């Protein structure tokens, strides 16, 4: 990273470093900055005019525009916020892309019309550089969205989408212009920009989804959060609290996990003092929780009221997987007989219920694990019967010591259920310096020993890699001795998966489409590679067919029910 002195500025003509007191460049006699891309300047000027309109509109009703009302109560201006967000964005992609230069600082100062000396701006931006900048939606987008929503009728009358979308485009255009501004930009910076814009798009979609439900970020109140923290730290059982209290606490924990620094201390302190409470809150009203890169995502399924036989019938009705079904049914029979023996006081050898699922993607490993968690609960093997799905990113932290904490949090949330670790082989240390994966493995092995009566671990991944993973560690070998192999689906089974998707959505194939599908499944199977996606590939094809059918029918003003229900050969033309 370039280290800058505090008494400097840059000539925008010859790009040489000057003393801060120089009024004319001694090298080229330049005395002003060259004009930047006029379209960028115009976009920024229009953006700031829009900010001024928001700032000068007057009071905001917290019931109609809660985000704006909260922001204005803090005596800030939207223009200052937007300038700050954009400056942080540009600095982030420059530094992360190994492309920071004095010229880029000149760009930030002048394009964003920032009233700072260059050395002051540099120190300010570097001090505020956020390593987690990609993990959250900048506040300016939230404010713009709410303001756009408030003026929805006006925007629609002008055939405008709104300024949230406009701000997204400004980010992209400004980022591209910024990277092209001088000759010091590394190719890595463009990759950083693309990744950031993709993340930003996802954050916008998530925010738009959550806003109508009220699940967007509420105003942070430090005193209130501390009171909640004390209540949770000293509670006997979370059932003593109102469901709204638990839902609110769960939201704060999820925000902290998602990178919201305001709730980070709340989450860390509660995890340190009462990891059991954190686990109970995260599992409240959930059946399956997916942990992906530290993010706990609520599953929409309602708590199952199915009987053991219902669950076994559901397992046995799955397309294909005959060997898997046989293994699982045998395992269930063994557990049932062991339970009878135990009830009659008979001695029996110890039995490990931890499993290795090996097979290619899309072969139903997660589906079977989900059913198995419920089956184990019905058999009394597990107290809750939920499934926690994670992978290396959900277990490994950024530094040694953090991994053990992060892994332990996942384990706590899995207590009473199954911890399903996908692509578990990625935890195998790559070299002597890679201690992070080993730290996660050691933490999991200890938990398997300490909680063997109410925690089951299933590790999953590609066959060869999983075999290497288990044999890489004596502790893993001793605890995982039951393997279930998930074979690739054959052509008839691939066809059956597609047909079951049709049945579930009131669709049918005409004769030509049916014939084509059978041939397509034969081709997919016969030409499959080592990483064949199986059911996932069929699902992708099904979704593409639905899109093609919709495009075909969209121009028909008088669509019959039969047309809506029928998939034709031409709907497969995307192939």
Protein backbone atom coordinates (compact mmCIF):
# COMPACT_ATOMS: atom_id res chain seq x y z
CA UNK A 1 0.00 0.00 0.00
CA UNK A 2 1.29 3.48 -0.85
CA UNK A 3 2.26 5.54 2.21
CA UNK A 4 1.72 9.26 1.70
CA UNK A 5 3.27 12.24 3.43
CA UNK A 6 0.97 14.82 4.94
CA UNK A 7 2.25 17.83 2.94
CA UNK A 8 1.51 16.99 -0.64
CA UNK A 9 -0.85 17.34 -3.55
CA UNK A 10 -0.82 16.01 -7.11
CA UNK A 11 -0.69 17.84 -10.43
CA UNK A 12 -3.53 16.54 -12.53
CA UNK A 13 -1.66 17.34 -15.73
CA UNK A 14 1.76 15.73 -15.29
CA UNK A 15 0.75 13.63 -12.24
CA UNK A 16 3.74 14.62 -10.14
CA UNK A 17 3.72 15.06 -6.39
CA UNK A 18 3.90 18.70 -5.26
CA UNK A 19 4.22 20.55 -2.00
CA UNK A 20 0.90 21.54 -0.54
CA UNK A 21 1.88 25.22 -0.77
CA UNK A 22 2.57 25.12 -4.54
CA UNK A 23 -0.01 27.15 -6.47
CA UNK A 24 1.50 26.35 -9.90
CA UNK A 25 3.14 23.09 -10.91
CA UNK A 26 6.89 23.79 -11.32
CA UNK A 27 7.14 20.99 -13.87
CA UNK A 28 4.39 21.88 -16.35
CA UNK A 29 3.01 25.22 -15.07
CA UNK A 30 -0.43 23.73 -14.61
CA UNK A 31 -2.61 25.66 -12.17
CA UNK A 32 -5.92 23.77 -12.20
CA UNK A 33 -7.38 20.30 -12.33
CA UNK A 34 -8.35 19.02 -15.73
CA UNK A 35 -12.04 18.52 -16.42
CA UNK A 36 -13.33 15.04 -15.68
CA UNK A 37 -15.81 13.05 -17.74
CA UNK A 38 -18.74 15.43 -18.12
CA UNK A 39 -21.35 12.65 -17.85
CA UNK A 40 -19.97 11.64 -14.46
CA UNK A 41 -19.98 15.24 -13.26
CA UNK A 42 -23.57 15.67 -14.47
CA UNK A 43 -24.71 12.51 -12.69
CA UNK A 44 -23.10 13.59 -9.43
CA UNK A 45 -24.56 17.11 -9.65
CA UNK A 46 -28.03 15.70 -10.27
CA UNK A 47 -27.51 13.25 -7.39
CA UNK A 48 -26.61 16.04 -4.98
CA UNK A 49 -29.62 18.09 -6.11
CA UNK A 50 -31.82 15.13 -5.23
CA UNK A 51 -30.12 14.92 -1.82
CA UNK A 52 -30.83 18.62 -1.23
CA UNK A 53 -34.51 18.05 -1.97
CA UNK A 54 -34.64 15.35 0.69
CA UNK A 55 -32.68 17.46 3.18
CA UNK A 56 -34.91 20.50 2.69
CA UNK A 57 -38.31 18.82 2.62
CA UNK A 58 -39.03 19.44 6.29
CA UNK A 59 -40.14 17.03 9.00
CA UNK A 60 -40.54 13.32 8.33
CA UNK A 61 -43.27 11.19 9.91
CA UNK A 62 -41.69 8.21 11.67
CA UNK A 63 -44.78 6.13 10.87
CA UNK A 64 -44.58 6.81 7.12
CA UNK A 65 -40.81 7.12 6.67
CA UNK A 66 -39.14 5.62 9.75
CA UNK A 67 -35.64 5.42 8.27
CA UNK A 68 -35.64 9.03 7.12
CA UNK A 69 -37.18 10.26 10.36
CA UNK A 70 -34.52 8.49 12.39
CA UNK A 71 -31.70 9.76 10.18
CA UNK A 72 -32.91 13.37 10.27
CA UNK A 73 -33.24 13.22 14.05
CA UNK A 74 -29.47 12.82 14.21
CA UNK A 75 -28.95 16.20 12.50
CA UNK A 76 -27.08 14.80 9.53
CA UNK A 77 -27.66 15.61 5.87
CA UNK A 78 -28.36 13.08 3.15
CA UNK A 79 -25.84 14.81 0.91
CA UNK A 80 -23.05 14.31 3.46
CA UNK A 81 -24.10 10.68 3.87
CA UNK A 82 -24.05 10.02 0.11
CA UNK A 83 -20.65 11.71 -0.25
CA UNK A 84 -19.30 9.58 2.58
CA UNK A 85 -20.76 6.34 1.20
CA UNK A 86 -19.38 7.00 -2.28
CA UNK A 87 -15.93 7.99 -1.00
CA UNK A 88 -15.77 4.84 1.13
CA UNK A 89 -16.82 2.76 -1.87
CA UNK A 90 -14.11 4.20 -4.14
CA UNK A 91 -11.41 3.89 -1.49
CA UNK A 92 -12.46 0.29 -0.80
CA UNK A 93 -12.14 -0.91 -4.40
CA UNK A 94 -8.82 0.94 -4.85
CA UNK A 95 -7.21 -0.46 -1.71
CA UNK A 96 -8.67 -3.96 -2.07
CA UNK A 97 -7.62 -3.97 -5.72
CA UNK A 98 -4.03 -2.92 -4.86
CA UNK A 99 -4.52 0.15 -7.05
CA UNK A 100 -4.54 3.14 -4.74
CA UNK A 101 -2.64 6.16 -6.07
CA UNK A 102 -2.50 9.92 -5.35
CA UNK A 103 -4.41 10.56 -8.58
CA UNK A 104 -7.29 8.43 -7.34
CA UNK A 105 -7.46 10.53 -4.21
CA UNK A 106 -7.65 13.63 -6.42
CA UNK A 107 -10.56 11.98 -8.26
CA UNK A 108 -12.45 11.28 -5.02
CA UNK A 109 -11.96 14.82 -3.73
CA UNK A 110 -12.99 16.61 -6.90
CA UNK A 111 -15.73 14.43 -8.31
CA UNK A 112 -17.49 14.17 -4.95
CA UNK A 113 -16.81 17.84 -4.19
CA UNK A 114 -15.28 17.09 -0.79
CA UNK A 115 -14.02 20.04 1.21
CA UNK A 116 -10.84 18.44 2.56
CA UNK A 117 -7.13 18.82 1.95
CA UNK A 118 -5.70 15.74 0.25
CA UNK A 119 -3.65 14.61 3.23
CA UNK A 120 -6.63 15.07 5.54
CA UNK A 121 -8.90 13.16 3.16
CA UNK A 122 -6.40 10.31 2.83
CA UNK A 123 -6.09 9.86 6.58
CA UNK A 124 -9.86 10.10 7.02
CA UNK A 125 -10.64 7.49 4.37
CA UNK A 126 -7.92 5.10 5.47
CA UNK A 127 -9.04 5.34 9.08
CA UNK A 128 -12.62 4.54 8.07
CA UNK A 129 -11.73 1.73 5.63
CA UNK A 130 -14.11 -1.12 6.45
CA UNK A 131 -12.95 -4.66 5.70
CA UNK A 132 -16.59 -5.78 5.74
CA UNK A 133 -17.78 -3.10 3.32
CA UNK A 134 -19.23 -5.71 0.93
CA UNK A 135 -21.41 -7.30 3.60
CA UNK A 136 -24.04 -4.59 4.06
CA UNK A 137 -26.18 -2.10 2.17
CA UNK A 138 -25.00 1.54 2.52
CA UNK A 139 -27.53 3.71 4.36
CA UNK A 140 -27.97 6.06 1.39
CA UNK A 141 -29.71 3.27 -0.57
CA UNK A 142 -32.18 2.69 2.27
CA UNK A 143 -33.01 6.38 2.50
CA UNK A 144 -33.43 6.72 -1.26
CA UNK A 145 -35.71 3.69 -1.39
CA UNK A 146 -37.95 5.01 1.36
CA UNK A 147 -38.08 8.47 -0.21
CA UNK A 148 -38.87 6.93 -3.61
CA UNK A 149 -41.65 4.90 -2.00
CA UNK A 150 -43.11 8.04 -0.43
CA UNK A 151 -43.20 9.70 -3.89
CA UNK A 152 -44.24 6.56 -5.79
CA UNK A 153 -47.21 8.16 -7.58
CA UNK A 154 -45.08 11.07 -8.77
CA UNK A 155 -42.31 8.79 -10.03
CA UNK A 156 -44.77 6.58 -11.88
CA UNK A 157 -46.34 9.62 -13.53
CA UNK A 158 -42.88 10.55 -14.85
CA UNK A 159 -42.20 6.93 -15.88
CA UNK A 160 -39.29 6.79 -13.43
CA UNK A 161 -38.30 3.74 -11.37
CA UNK A 162 -36.82 5.73 -8.54
CA UNK A 163 -33.51 7.01 -7.34
CA UNK A 164 -32.42 3.85 -5.55
CA UNK A 165 -31.91 2.21 -8.96
CA UNK A 166 -30.29 5.41 -10.23
CA UNK A 167 -27.86 5.37 -7.31
CA UNK A 168 -26.91 1.79 -8.14
CA UNK A 169 -26.04 2.85 -11.71
CA UNK A 170 -24.06 5.82 -10.40
CA UNK A 171 -22.01 3.45 -8.25
CA UNK A 172 -21.20 1.31 -11.28
CA UNK A 173 -20.44 4.24 -13.61
CA UNK A 174 -18.42 6.08 -10.99
CA UNK A 175 -16.44 2.94 -10.12
CA UNK A 176 -15.53 2.32 -13.76
CA UNK A 177 -14.52 5.95 -14.33
CA UNK A 178 -12.50 5.89 -11.12
CA UNK A 179 -10.49 2.83 -12.14
CA UNK A 180 -9.82 4.25 -15.61
CA UNK A 181 -8.68 7.61 -14.23
CA UNK A 182 -4.95 6.83 -14.12
CA UNK A 183 -2.47 4.19 -15.21
CA UNK A 184 -1.95 2.62 -11.79
CA UNK A 185 -5.04 0.38 -11.79
CA UNK A 186 -4.41 -3.35 -11.42
CA UNK A 187 -6.76 -5.86 -13.12
CA UNK A 188 -7.67 -7.10 -9.64
CA UNK A 189 -9.55 -3.84 -9.02
CA UNK A 190 -12.04 -4.54 -11.78
CA UNK A 191 -12.74 -7.94 -10.21
CA UNK A 192 -13.26 -6.25 -6.84
CA UNK A 193 -15.66 -3.76 -8.43
CA UNK A 194 -17.66 -6.52 -10.12
CA UNK A 195 -17.87 -8.53 -6.90
CA UNK A 196 -18.97 -5.48 -4.93
CA UNK A 197 -21.68 -4.59 -7.44
CA UNK A 198 -22.99 -8.16 -7.36
CA UNK A 199 -23.11 -8.06 -3.55
CA UNK A 200 -24.77 -4.64 -3.66
CA UNK A 201 -27.48 -5.95 -5.98
CA UNK A 202 -28.22 -8.82 -3.58
CA UNK A 203 -28.39 -6.46 -0.60
CA UNK A 204 -30.87 -4.24 -2.49
CA UNK A 205 -33.10 -7.22 -3.33
CA UNK A 206 -33.01 -8.38 0.30
CA UNK A 207 -33.82 -4.90 1.61
CA UNK A 208 -36.73 -4.43 -0.78
CA UNK A 209 -38.06 -7.81 0.32
CA UNK A 210 -37.79 -7.02 4.03
CA UNK A 211 -38.98 -3.39 3.99
CA UNK A 212 -42.74 -4.04 3.63
CA UNK A 213 -42.63 -6.49 6.56
CA UNK A 214 -40.89 -4.01 8.84
CA UNK A 215 -37.82 -6.24 9.08
CA UNK A 216 -35.44 -3.51 8.00
CA UNK A 217 -32.95 -2.01 10.42
CA UNK A 218 -34.59 -0.24 13.32
CA UNK A 219 -33.01 2.81 14.99
CA UNK A 220 -30.19 1.68 17.25
CA UNK A 221 -30.75 2.49 20.93
CA UNK A 222 -27.71 1.60 23.03
CA UNK A 223 -29.51 1.77 26.38
CA UNK A 224 -32.34 -0.44 25.19
CA UNK A 225 -29.93 -3.02 23.73
CA UNK A 226 -27.98 -3.16 26.98
CA UNK A 227 -31.17 -3.75 28.98
CA UNK A 228 -32.14 -6.62 26.69
CA UNK A 229 -28.63 -8.05 27.00
CA UNK A 230 -28.81 -8.07 30.80
CA UNK A 231 -32.22 -9.76 30.77
CA UNK A 232 -31.00 -12.51 28.45
CA UNK A 233 -27.74 -13.05 30.34
CA UNK A 234 -29.63 -13.63 33.59
CA UNK A 235 -32.66 -15.54 32.33
CA UNK A 236 -33.54 -19.10 33.31
CA UNK A 237 -35.40 -19.88 30.09
CA UNK A 238 -36.24 -17.81 27.00
CA UNK A 239 -39.81 -19.13 27.24
CA UNK A 240 -40.23 -16.58 30.04
CA UNK A 241 -40.11 -13.77 27.45
CA UNK A 242 -42.80 -12.59 25.06
CA UNK A 243 -42.42 -13.92 21.49
CA UNK A 244 -41.90 -10.38 20.16
CA UNK A 245 -39.00 -9.94 22.58
CA UNK A 246 -37.39 -13.15 21.29
CA UNK A 247 -38.02 -12.22 17.64
CA UNK A 248 -36.40 -8.82 18.21
CA UNK A 249 -33.36 -10.39 19.93
CA UNK A 250 -33.05 -12.90 17.10
CA UNK A 251 -33.10 -10.09 14.56
CA UNK A 252 -30.25 -8.31 16.40
CA UNK A 253 -28.17 -11.50 16.50
CA UNK A 254 -28.71 -12.07 12.79
CA UNK A 255 -27.76 -8.46 12.04
CA UNK A 256 -24.53 -8.89 14.00
CA UNK A 257 -23.76 -12.11 12.13
CA UNK A 258 -24.48 -10.27 8.86
CA UNK A 259 -21.85 -7.67 9.78
CA UNK A 260 -23.86 -4.94 11.52
CA UNK A 261 -21.31 -3.44 13.92
CA UNK A 262 -23.96 -1.74 16.06
CA UNK A 263 -25.15 -5.09 17.37
CA UNK A 264 -21.75 -6.80 17.34
CA UNK A 265 -21.01 -6.17 21.05
CA UNK A 266 -24.50 -7.43 22.00
CA UNK A 267 -23.95 -10.66 20.06
CA UNK A 268 -20.39 -11.28 21.25
CA UNK A 269 -21.19 -10.64 24.91
CA UNK A 270 -24.29 -12.84 24.85
CA UNK A 271 -22.36 -15.60 23.03
CA UNK A 272 -19.58 -15.42 25.61
CA UNK A 273 -21.86 -15.46 28.66
CA UNK A 274 -24.84 -17.48 27.44
CA UNK A 275 -24.13 -19.49 24.24
CA UNK A 276 -27.09 -21.68 25.22
CA UNK A 277 -29.43 -18.67 25.02
CA UNK A 278 -27.99 -17.68 21.62
CA UNK A 279 -28.61 -21.21 20.33
CA UNK A 280 -32.19 -21.27 21.69
CA UNK A 281 -33.01 -17.88 20.19
CA UNK A 282 -31.61 -18.80 16.78
CA UNK A 283 -33.52 -22.05 16.76
CA UNK A 284 -36.81 -20.53 17.93
CA UNK A 285 -39.65 -21.53 15.57
CA UNK A 286 -37.15 -23.00 13.07
CA UNK A 287 -36.90 -26.45 11.52
CA UNK A 288 -33.89 -26.12 9.26
CA UNK A 289 -31.32 -23.37 9.58
CA UNK A 290 -28.70 -22.82 6.89
CA UNK A 291 -25.42 -21.29 7.94
CA UNK A 292 -23.60 -19.78 5.00
CA UNK A 293 -20.53 -17.63 5.58
CA UNK A 294 -21.71 -16.88 9.10
CA UNK A 295 -25.27 -16.04 8.09
CA UNK A 296 -28.18 -17.86 9.78
CA UNK A 297 -31.11 -18.04 7.39
CA UNK A 298 -34.57 -18.95 8.60
CA UNK A 299 -36.28 -21.78 6.78
CA UNK A 300 -39.91 -21.28 5.82
CA UNK A 301 -41.05 -24.79 6.72
CA UNK A 302 -43.45 -25.14 9.62
CA UNK A 303 -42.65 -27.48 12.46
CA UNK A 304 -43.34 -31.03 11.35
CA UNK A 305 -46.23 -32.95 12.89
CA UNK A 306 -45.51 -36.03 10.79
CA UNK A 307 -45.37 -39.48 12.34
CA UNK A 308 -42.35 -41.77 12.06
CA UNK A 309 -44.15 -43.77 9.39
CA UNK A 310 -45.00 -40.56 7.46
CA UNK A 311 -41.31 -39.65 7.44
CA UNK A 312 -40.21 -43.11 6.33
CA UNK A 313 -42.86 -43.06 3.59
CA UNK A 314 -41.54 -39.68 2.44
CA UNK A 315 -38.01 -41.07 2.37
CA UNK A 316 -39.02 -44.17 0.46
CA UNK A 317 -41.04 -42.13 -2.06
CA UNK A 318 -37.97 -40.18 -3.21
CA UNK A 319 -36.97 -40.81 -6.82
CA UNK A 320 -34.06 -43.25 -7.07
CA UNK A 321 -31.64 -43.56 -4.14
CA UNK A 322 -32.53 -47.23 -3.66
CA UNK A 323 -29.24 -48.12 -1.95
CA UNK A 324 -29.51 -45.04 0.28
CA UNK A 325 -33.07 -45.90 1.30
CA UNK A 326 -31.99 -49.43 2.16
CA UNK A 327 -29.12 -48.13 4.32
CA UNK A 328 -31.31 -45.61 6.15
CA UNK A 329 -34.12 -48.11 6.74
CA UNK A 330 -31.61 -50.62 8.10
CA UNK A 331 -30.20 -47.94 10.37
CA UNK A 332 -33.70 -47.09 11.64
CA UNK A 333 -34.44 -50.79 12.27
CA UNK A 334 -31.19 -51.16 14.20
CA UNK A 335 -31.96 -48.13 16.37
CA UNK A 336 -35.46 -49.40 17.12
CA UNK A 337 -34.17 -52.85 18.17
CA UNK A 338 -31.42 -51.28 20.29
CA UNK A 339 -34.06 -49.17 22.01
CA UNK A 340 -36.13 -52.27 22.84
CA UNK A 341 -33.06 -54.04 24.20
CA UNK A 342 -32.17 -51.02 26.28
CA UNK A 343 -35.68 -50.84 27.72
CA UNK A 344 -35.37 -54.51 28.74
CA UNK A 345 -32.02 -53.97 30.45
CA UNK A 346 -29.92 -55.90 27.92
CA UNK A 347 -26.29 -55.02 27.28
CA UNK A 348 -25.34 -53.80 23.83
CA UNK A 349 -22.18 -52.56 22.13
CA UNK A 350 -21.64 -48.83 21.61
CA UNK A 351 -22.89 -47.41 18.31
CA UNK A 352 -21.92 -44.27 16.45
CA UNK A 353 -24.70 -42.51 14.58
CA UNK A 354 -22.39 -40.00 12.88
CA UNK A 355 -22.41 -40.47 9.11
CA UNK A 356 -20.40 -39.82 5.98
CA UNK A 357 -22.53 -38.94 2.94
CA UNK A 358 -20.49 -39.20 -0.27
CA UNK A 359 -21.66 -38.47 -3.79
CA UNK A 360 -21.87 -35.87 -6.52
CA UNK A 361 -23.91 -32.66 -6.14
CA UNK A 362 -27.69 -32.88 -6.52
CA UNK A 363 -27.97 -36.51 -5.40
CA UNK A 364 -30.24 -35.77 -2.43
CA UNK A 365 -27.75 -35.71 0.43
CA UNK A 366 -29.25 -32.67 2.15
CA UNK A 367 -32.81 -33.93 1.58
CA UNK A 368 -32.03 -37.26 3.21
CA UNK A 369 -30.19 -35.55 6.09
CA UNK A 370 -33.23 -33.34 6.73
CA UNK A 371 -35.54 -36.35 6.86
CA UNK A 372 -33.07 -38.26 9.02
CA UNK A 373 -33.00 -35.44 11.59
CA UNK A 374 -36.78 -35.71 11.96
CA UNK A 375 -36.69 -39.51 12.03
CA UNK A 376 -34.05 -39.47 14.79
CA UNK A 377 -36.24 -37.13 16.82
CA UNK A 378 -39.25 -39.47 16.46
CA UNK A 379 -37.04 -42.36 17.59
CA UNK A 380 -35.95 -40.40 20.66
CA UNK A 381 -32.31 -40.26 19.53
CA UNK A 382 -32.37 -36.46 19.31
CA UNK A 383 -34.28 -33.99 21.49
CA UNK A 384 -35.24 -31.48 18.77
CA UNK A 385 -34.69 -33.01 15.35
CA UNK A 386 -33.63 -29.94 13.39
CA UNK A 387 -30.90 -29.70 10.77
CA UNK A 388 -28.06 -27.19 10.75
CA UNK A 389 -26.38 -26.98 7.36
CA UNK A 390 -22.99 -25.33 7.05
CA UNK A 391 -19.64 -25.51 5.24
CA UNK A 392 -16.09 -24.26 5.74
CA UNK A 393 -17.12 -20.60 5.42
CA UNK A 394 -19.60 -21.02 8.26
CA UNK A 395 -16.98 -22.57 10.57
CA UNK A 396 -13.65 -20.93 9.85
CA UNK A 397 -12.86 -17.45 11.14
CA UNK A 398 -10.40 -14.84 9.97
CA UNK A 399 -7.74 -15.64 12.54
CA UNK A 400 -6.71 -18.41 14.92
CA UNK A 401 -8.90 -18.45 18.00
CA UNK A 402 -11.86 -16.93 16.16
CA UNK A 403 -12.45 -20.22 14.33
CA UNK A 404 -13.00 -22.13 17.57
CA UNK A 405 -15.54 -19.53 18.71
CA UNK A 406 -17.33 -19.47 15.36
CA UNK A 407 -17.45 -23.27 15.17
CA UNK A 408 -18.68 -23.54 18.73
CA UNK A 409 -21.55 -21.15 17.96
CA UNK A 410 -22.61 -23.37 15.06
CA UNK A 411 -22.39 -26.46 17.28
CA UNK A 412 -24.51 -24.78 19.96
CA UNK A 413 -27.21 -24.02 17.39
CA UNK A 414 -27.12 -27.70 16.29
CA UNK A 415 -27.58 -29.17 19.77
CA UNK A 416 -30.50 -31.59 19.80
CA UNK A 417 -30.26 -32.06 16.04
CA UNK A 418 -27.94 -32.85 13.15
CA UNK A 419 -24.97 -30.74 12.10
CA UNK A 420 -24.60 -31.24 8.35
CA UNK A 421 -21.20 -30.10 7.01
CA UNK A 422 -21.17 -29.89 3.22
CA UNK A 423 -17.88 -30.17 1.35
CA UNK A 424 -16.29 -31.14 4.67
CA UNK A 425 -13.03 -32.07 2.91
CA UNK A 426 -12.27 -28.36 2.53
CA UNK A 427 -11.47 -28.36 6.26
CA UNK A 428 -8.46 -30.62 5.65
CA UNK A 429 -5.32 -28.47 6.24
CA UNK A 430 -3.69 -27.68 2.90
CA UNK A 431 -0.26 -27.26 4.47
CA UNK A 432 1.41 -26.80 7.85
CA UNK A 433 0.51 -23.09 7.85
CA UNK A 434 -3.21 -23.77 7.32
CA UNK A 435 -4.31 -24.24 10.93
CA UNK A 436 -7.82 -22.84 10.54
CA UNK A 437 -9.46 -25.99 9.18
CA UNK A 438 -7.72 -28.11 11.78
CA UNK A 439 -8.97 -25.82 14.53
CA UNK A 440 -12.54 -26.33 13.29
CA UNK A 441 -12.06 -30.12 13.10
CA UNK A 442 -10.65 -30.28 16.62
CA UNK A 443 -13.58 -28.23 17.97
CA UNK A 444 -16.12 -30.47 16.21
CA UNK A 445 -14.45 -33.69 17.44
CA UNK A 446 -14.51 -32.45 21.03
CA UNK A 447 -18.20 -31.53 20.72
CA UNK A 448 -19.00 -34.98 19.29
CA UNK A 449 -17.44 -36.51 22.38
CA UNK A 450 -18.92 -34.07 24.91
CA UNK A 451 -22.45 -34.16 23.44
CA UNK A 452 -22.64 -37.65 21.96
CA UNK A 453 -26.11 -38.18 23.45
CA UNK A 454 -27.76 -35.22 21.69
CA UNK A 455 -25.69 -34.22 18.66
CA UNK A 456 -25.16 -36.06 15.40
CA UNK A 457 -22.71 -34.89 12.75
CA UNK A 458 -23.00 -35.74 9.07
CA UNK A 459 -20.11 -34.81 6.79
CA UNK A 460 -20.73 -34.74 3.06
CA UNK A 461 -18.91 -34.23 -0.23
CA UNK A 462 -17.37 -35.87 -3.28
CA UNK A 463 -16.51 -39.59 -2.74
CA UNK A 464 -12.73 -39.57 -3.20
CA UNK A 465 -12.23 -36.30 -1.36
CA UNK A 466 -14.36 -37.44 1.57
CA UNK A 467 -12.37 -40.65 1.90
CA UNK A 468 -9.14 -38.64 2.04
CA UNK A 469 -10.71 -36.28 4.58
CA UNK A 470 -11.77 -39.04 7.00
CA UNK A 471 -8.39 -40.77 6.81
CA UNK A 472 -6.48 -37.53 7.32
CA UNK A 473 -7.19 -37.52 11.05
CA UNK A 474 -7.33 -40.44 13.55
CA UNK A 475 -10.10 -38.67 15.47
CA UNK A 476 -12.26 -38.53 12.35
CA UNK A 477 -11.58 -42.19 11.56
CA UNK A 478 -12.65 -43.28 15.03
CA UNK A 479 -15.93 -41.33 15.00
CA UNK A 480 -17.07 -41.79 11.41
CA UNK A 481 -17.38 -45.47 10.53
CA UNK A 482 -20.69 -45.47 8.70
CA UNK A 483 -20.67 -44.44 5.01
CA UNK A 484 -23.68 -43.90 2.77
CA UNK A 485 -22.92 -43.49 -0.93
CA UNK A 486 -25.28 -41.49 -3.15
CA UNK A 487 -25.02 -42.72 -6.72
CA UNK A 488 -25.66 -40.52 -9.75
CA UNK A 489 -29.27 -40.68 -10.94
CA UNK A 490 -29.72 -42.90 -14.01
CA UNK A 491 -31.69 -41.65 -17.08
CA UNK A 492 -35.03 -43.05 -15.84
CA UNK A 493 -34.53 -41.40 -12.45
CA UNK A 494 -33.57 -38.06 -14.01
CA UNK A 495 -36.72 -38.29 -16.12
CA UNK A 496 -38.73 -39.17 -13.00
CA UNK A 497 -37.40 -36.11 -11.15
CA UNK A 498 -38.53 -33.83 -13.98
CA UNK A 499 -41.97 -35.49 -14.13
CA UNK A 500 -42.38 -35.16 -10.34
CA UNK A 501 -41.67 -31.44 -10.67
CA UNK A 502 -44.35 -31.24 -13.34
CA UNK A 503 -46.82 -33.13 -11.14
CA UNK A 504 -46.17 -30.75 -8.26
CA UNK A 505 -46.96 -27.73 -10.45
CA UNK A 506 -49.95 -29.07 -12.45
CA UNK A 507 -47.92 -29.39 -15.64
CA UNK A 508 -47.78 -32.13 -18.28
CA UNK A 509 -45.67 -32.81 -21.36
CA UNK A 510 -47.09 -33.40 -24.82
CA UNK A 511 -45.86 -36.52 -26.64
CA UNK A 512 -43.02 -34.80 -28.51
CA UNK A 513 -41.75 -33.01 -25.41
CA UNK A 514 -41.95 -36.26 -23.44
CA UNK A 515 -39.93 -38.11 -26.07
CA UNK A 516 -37.37 -35.31 -26.19
CA UNK A 517 -37.02 -35.27 -22.39
CA UNK A 518 -36.26 -38.99 -22.28
CA UNK A 519 -33.55 -38.56 -24.89
CA UNK A 520 -32.17 -35.53 -23.09
CA UNK A 521 -31.88 -37.49 -19.83
CA UNK A 522 -30.07 -40.30 -21.66
CA UNK A 523 -27.60 -37.78 -23.12
CA UNK A 524 -27.05 -36.06 -19.77
CA UNK A 525 -26.26 -39.37 -18.09
CA UNK A 526 -24.05 -40.78 -20.83
CA UNK A 527 -21.96 -37.61 -21.17
CA UNK A 528 -21.79 -36.75 -17.47
CA UNK A 529 -18.46 -35.75 -15.97
CA UNK A 530 -17.01 -36.29 -12.51
CA UNK A 531 -18.96 -33.32 -11.14
CA UNK A 532 -22.34 -34.12 -12.71
CA UNK A 533 -25.02 -31.99 -10.99
CA UNK A 534 -27.78 -34.65 -11.13
CA UNK A 535 -31.05 -33.33 -9.68
CA UNK A 536 -29.76 -29.75 -9.64
CA UNK A 537 -29.22 -29.89 -13.40
CA UNK A 538 -32.74 -31.25 -13.92
CA UNK A 539 -34.14 -28.45 -11.74
CA UNK A 540 -32.26 -25.86 -13.82
CA UNK A 541 -33.65 -27.37 -17.01
CA UNK A 542 -37.17 -27.38 -15.52
CA UNK A 543 -36.91 -23.70 -14.57
CA UNK A 544 -35.63 -22.81 -18.06
CA UNK A 545 -38.51 -24.74 -19.62
CA UNK A 546 -40.99 -22.81 -17.47
CA UNK A 547 -39.44 -19.53 -18.62
CA UNK A 548 -39.57 -20.62 -22.27
CA UNK A 549 -43.22 -21.66 -21.90
CA UNK A 550 -44.08 -18.31 -20.33
CA UNK A 551 -42.37 -16.44 -23.19
CA UNK A 552 -44.26 -18.56 -25.72
CA UNK A 553 -47.65 -17.94 -24.12
CA UNK A 554 -47.15 -14.28 -23.22
CA UNK A 555 -48.49 -12.97 -26.55
CA UNK A 556 -51.64 -15.14 -26.35
CA UNK A 557 -54.52 -13.01 -25.10
CA UNK A 558 -56.87 -15.95 -24.63
CA UNK A 559 -54.84 -18.73 -22.98
CA UNK A 560 -56.74 -21.93 -22.19
CA UNK A 561 -56.16 -23.98 -19.05
CA UNK A 562 -54.78 -26.81 -21.18
CA UNK A 563 -52.22 -24.48 -22.77
CA UNK A 564 -51.13 -23.28 -19.34
CA UNK A 565 -50.66 -26.86 -18.19
CA UNK A 566 -48.85 -28.21 -21.27
CA UNK A 567 -45.12 -28.14 -22.00
CA UNK A 568 -44.31 -28.42 -25.71
CA UNK A 569 -41.19 -29.44 -27.56
CA UNK A 570 -40.37 -25.84 -28.44
CA UNK A 571 -40.13 -25.02 -24.70
CA UNK A 572 -36.91 -27.06 -24.68
CA UNK A 573 -35.37 -24.97 -27.47
CA UNK A 574 -33.15 -23.08 -25.00
CA UNK A 575 -31.07 -26.26 -24.92
